[in-house]
């Protein structure tokens, strides 16, 4: 039940879980310890969240993840900007692809 709630809402506090399941903080923390080992739940100091499964690792590796989808996003983003507009770039892999797509736009 806790794992399902975490997947549904994304992040939940121990306090919220105590209220929802009418349990003590100690019981909830103990349950979170178990769930962190057997379910797709990441235990945090004050609660639980869904663990990141994507976007981990060094930049060169992440640049190779989901390339086709990133190019589609890049094409759409570049199409929305006029030639006189500035596109802000950061180091996320999908943004690096946006920058590359922008330079290719004629």
C-alpha atoms as a PDB file:
ATOM      1  CA  UNK A   1       0.000   0.000   0.000  1.00  0.00           C
ATOM      2  CA  UNK A   2       2.828   2.416   0.812  1.00  0.00           C
ATOM      3  CA  UNK A   3       4.691   1.605  -2.414  1.00  0.00           C
ATOM      4  CA  UNK A   4       1.525   2.167  -4.434  1.00  0.00           C
ATOM      5  CA  UNK A   5       0.970   5.541  -2.791  1.00  0.00           C
ATOM      6  CA  UNK A   6       4.562   6.598  -3.454  1.00  0.00           C
ATOM      7  CA  UNK A   7       4.224   5.612  -7.126  1.00  0.00           C
ATOM      8  CA  UNK A   8       0.931   7.498  -7.329  1.00  0.00           C
ATOM      9  CA  UNK A   9       2.030  10.789  -5.748  1.00  0.00           C
ATOM     10  CA  UNK A  10       5.800  10.708  -6.349  1.00  0.00           C
ATOM     11  CA  UNK A  11       7.031  11.791  -2.919  1.00  0.00           C
ATOM     12  CA  UNK A  12       5.435  11.316   0.476  1.00  0.00           C
ATOM     13  CA  UNK A  13       6.558  12.203   4.002  1.00  0.00           C
ATOM     14  CA  UNK A  14       6.712   9.888   6.987  1.00  0.00           C
ATOM     15  CA  UNK A  15       4.194  12.173   8.676  1.00  0.00           C
ATOM     16  CA  UNK A  16       1.738  11.806   5.778  1.00  0.00           C
ATOM     17  CA  UNK A  17       2.172   8.034   5.831  1.00  0.00           C
ATOM     18  CA  UNK A  18       1.588   7.938   9.603  1.00  0.00           C
ATOM     19  CA  UNK A  19      -1.676   9.802   9.175  1.00  0.00           C
ATOM     20  CA  UNK A  20      -2.835   7.834   6.143  1.00  0.00           C
ATOM     21  CA  UNK A  21      -2.098   4.402   7.624  1.00  0.00           C
ATOM     22  CA  UNK A  22      -2.659   5.280  11.301  1.00  0.00           C
ATOM     23  CA  UNK A  23       0.794   3.996  12.207  1.00  0.00           C
ATOM     24  CA  UNK A  24       3.724   5.239  14.240  1.00  0.00           C
ATOM     25  CA  UNK A  25       6.745   6.878  12.619  1.00  0.00           C
ATOM     26  CA  UNK A  26       8.870   3.934  13.736  1.00  0.00           C
ATOM     27  CA  UNK A  27       6.562   1.468  11.966  1.00  0.00           C
ATOM     28  CA  UNK A  28       6.532   3.561   8.788  1.00  0.00           C
ATOM     29  CA  UNK A  29      10.323   3.907   8.780  1.00  0.00           C
ATOM     30  CA  UNK A  30      10.713   0.164   9.291  1.00  0.00           C
ATOM     31  CA  UNK A  31       8.316  -0.478   6.385  1.00  0.00           C
ATOM     32  CA  UNK A  32      10.235   1.993   4.201  1.00  0.00           C
ATOM     33  CA  UNK A  33      13.468   0.115   4.953  1.00  0.00           C
ATOM     34  CA  UNK A  34      11.878  -3.081   3.645  1.00  0.00           C
ATOM     35  CA  UNK A  35      10.321  -1.362   0.617  1.00  0.00           C
ATOM     36  CA  UNK A  36      13.629   0.264  -0.306  1.00  0.00           C
ATOM     37  CA  UNK A  37      15.075  -3.242  -0.671  1.00  0.00           C
ATOM     38  CA  UNK A  38      12.219  -5.001  -2.480  1.00  0.00           C
ATOM     39  CA  UNK A  39      10.116  -2.327  -4.221  1.00  0.00           C
ATOM     40  CA  UNK A  40      10.920   0.568  -6.511  1.00  0.00           C
ATOM     41  CA  UNK A  41      10.879   3.053  -3.594  1.00  0.00           C
ATOM     42  CA  UNK A  42      13.727   5.286  -2.438  1.00  0.00           C
ATOM     43  CA  UNK A  43      13.824   5.999   1.273  1.00  0.00           C
ATOM     44  CA  UNK A  44      14.655   9.547   2.276  1.00  0.00           C
ATOM     45  CA  UNK A  45      15.273  11.028   5.731  1.00  0.00           C
ATOM     46  CA  UNK A  46      11.723  12.336   6.075  1.00  0.00           C
ATOM     47  CA  UNK A  47       9.832  10.014   3.736  1.00  0.00           C
ATOM     48  CA  UNK A  48       9.998   8.183   0.436  1.00  0.00           C
ATOM     49  CA  UNK A  49      10.093   8.961  -3.263  1.00  0.00           C
ATOM     50  CA  UNK A  50      10.305   7.229  -6.610  1.00  0.00           C
ATOM     51  CA  UNK A  51      13.972   6.582  -7.419  1.00  0.00           C
ATOM     52  CA  UNK A  52      15.461   8.058 -10.567  1.00  0.00           C
ATOM     53  CA  UNK A  53      15.957   5.371 -13.154  1.00  0.00           C
ATOM     54  CA  UNK A  54      17.078   7.605 -15.962  1.00  0.00           C
ATOM     55  CA  UNK A  55      19.623  10.376 -16.136  1.00  0.00           C
ATOM     56  CA  UNK A  56      22.234   8.720 -13.978  1.00  0.00           C
ATOM     57  CA  UNK A  57      25.821   8.328 -15.031  1.00  0.00           C
ATOM     58  CA  UNK A  58      28.336  10.461 -16.868  1.00  0.00           C
ATOM     59  CA  UNK A  59      27.239  12.948 -19.532  1.00  0.00           C
ATOM     60  CA  UNK A  60      28.664  10.982 -22.500  1.00  0.00           C
ATOM     61  CA  UNK A  61      26.594   7.971 -21.442  1.00  0.00           C
ATOM     62  CA  UNK A  62      23.427  10.053 -20.931  1.00  0.00           C
ATOM     63  CA  UNK A  63      23.861  11.690 -24.328  1.00  0.00           C
ATOM     64  CA  UNK A  64      23.327   8.247 -25.825  1.00  0.00           C
ATOM     65  CA  UNK A  65      20.060   7.601 -23.948  1.00  0.00           C
ATOM     66  CA  UNK A  66      16.747   8.126 -25.815  1.00  0.00           C
ATOM     67  CA  UNK A  67      18.439   9.978 -28.673  1.00  0.00           C
ATOM     68  CA  UNK A  68      15.493   9.796 -31.100  1.00  0.00           C
ATOM     69  CA  UNK A  69      13.083  11.275 -28.560  1.00  0.00           C
ATOM     70  CA  UNK A  70      15.569  14.016 -27.665  1.00  0.00           C
ATOM     71  CA  UNK A  71      15.949  14.953 -31.333  1.00  0.00           C
ATOM     72  CA  UNK A  72      12.170  15.217 -31.706  1.00  0.00           C
ATOM     73  CA  UNK A  73      12.020  17.527 -28.690  1.00  0.00           C
ATOM     74  CA  UNK A  74      14.911  19.551 -30.106  1.00  0.00           C
ATOM     75  CA  UNK A  75      13.253  19.971 -33.509  1.00  0.00           C
ATOM     76  CA  UNK A  76      10.040  21.185 -31.899  1.00  0.00           C
ATOM     77  CA  UNK A  77      11.867  23.550 -29.539  1.00  0.00           C
ATOM     78  CA  UNK A  78      13.938  25.062 -32.331  1.00  0.00           C
ATOM     79  CA  UNK A  79      10.873  25.457 -34.555  1.00  0.00           C
ATOM     80  CA  UNK A  80       9.227  27.545 -31.826  1.00  0.00           C
ATOM     81  CA  UNK A  81      12.058  30.109 -31.792  1.00  0.00           C
ATOM     82  CA  UNK A  82      12.466  32.825 -34.384  1.00  0.00           C
ATOM     83  CA  UNK A  83      15.946  33.506 -35.830  1.00  0.00           C
ATOM     84  CA  UNK A  84      16.305  36.650 -33.704  1.00  0.00           C
ATOM     85  CA  UNK A  85      15.556  34.890 -30.438  1.00  0.00           C
ATOM     86  CA  UNK A  86      18.189  33.559 -28.057  1.00  0.00           C
ATOM     87  CA  UNK A  87      18.048  29.966 -26.901  1.00  0.00           C
ATOM     88  CA  UNK A  88      19.399  29.352 -23.396  1.00  0.00           C
ATOM     89  CA  UNK A  89      21.526  26.230 -23.009  1.00  0.00           C
ATOM     90  CA  UNK A  90      22.459  24.179 -19.945  1.00  0.00           C
ATOM     91  CA  UNK A  91      24.263  20.831 -19.646  1.00  0.00           C
ATOM     92  CA  UNK A  92      21.342  18.408 -19.695  1.00  0.00           C
ATOM     93  CA  UNK A  93      21.752  15.929 -22.569  1.00  0.00           C
ATOM     94  CA  UNK A  94      18.441  16.862 -24.217  1.00  0.00           C
ATOM     95  CA  UNK A  95      19.496  20.514 -24.129  1.00  0.00           C
ATOM     96  CA  UNK A  96      22.829  19.703 -25.775  1.00  0.00           C
ATOM     97  CA  UNK A  97      20.835  18.121 -28.592  1.00  0.00           C
ATOM     98  CA  UNK A  98      18.627  21.247 -28.749  1.00  0.00           C
ATOM     99  CA  UNK A  99      21.757  23.349 -29.224  1.00  0.00           C
ATOM    100  CA  UNK A 100      22.964  21.091 -31.991  1.00  0.00           C
ATOM    101  CA  UNK A 101      19.572  21.234 -33.724  1.00  0.00           C
ATOM    102  CA  UNK A 102      19.540  25.030 -33.432  1.00  0.00           C
ATOM    103  CA  UNK A 103      22.884  25.335 -35.184  1.00  0.00           C
ATOM    104  CA  UNK A 104      21.607  23.183 -38.038  1.00  0.00           C
ATOM    105  CA  UNK A 105      18.535  25.319 -38.634  1.00  0.00           C
ATOM    106  CA  UNK A 106      18.931  27.300 -41.802  1.00  0.00           C
END
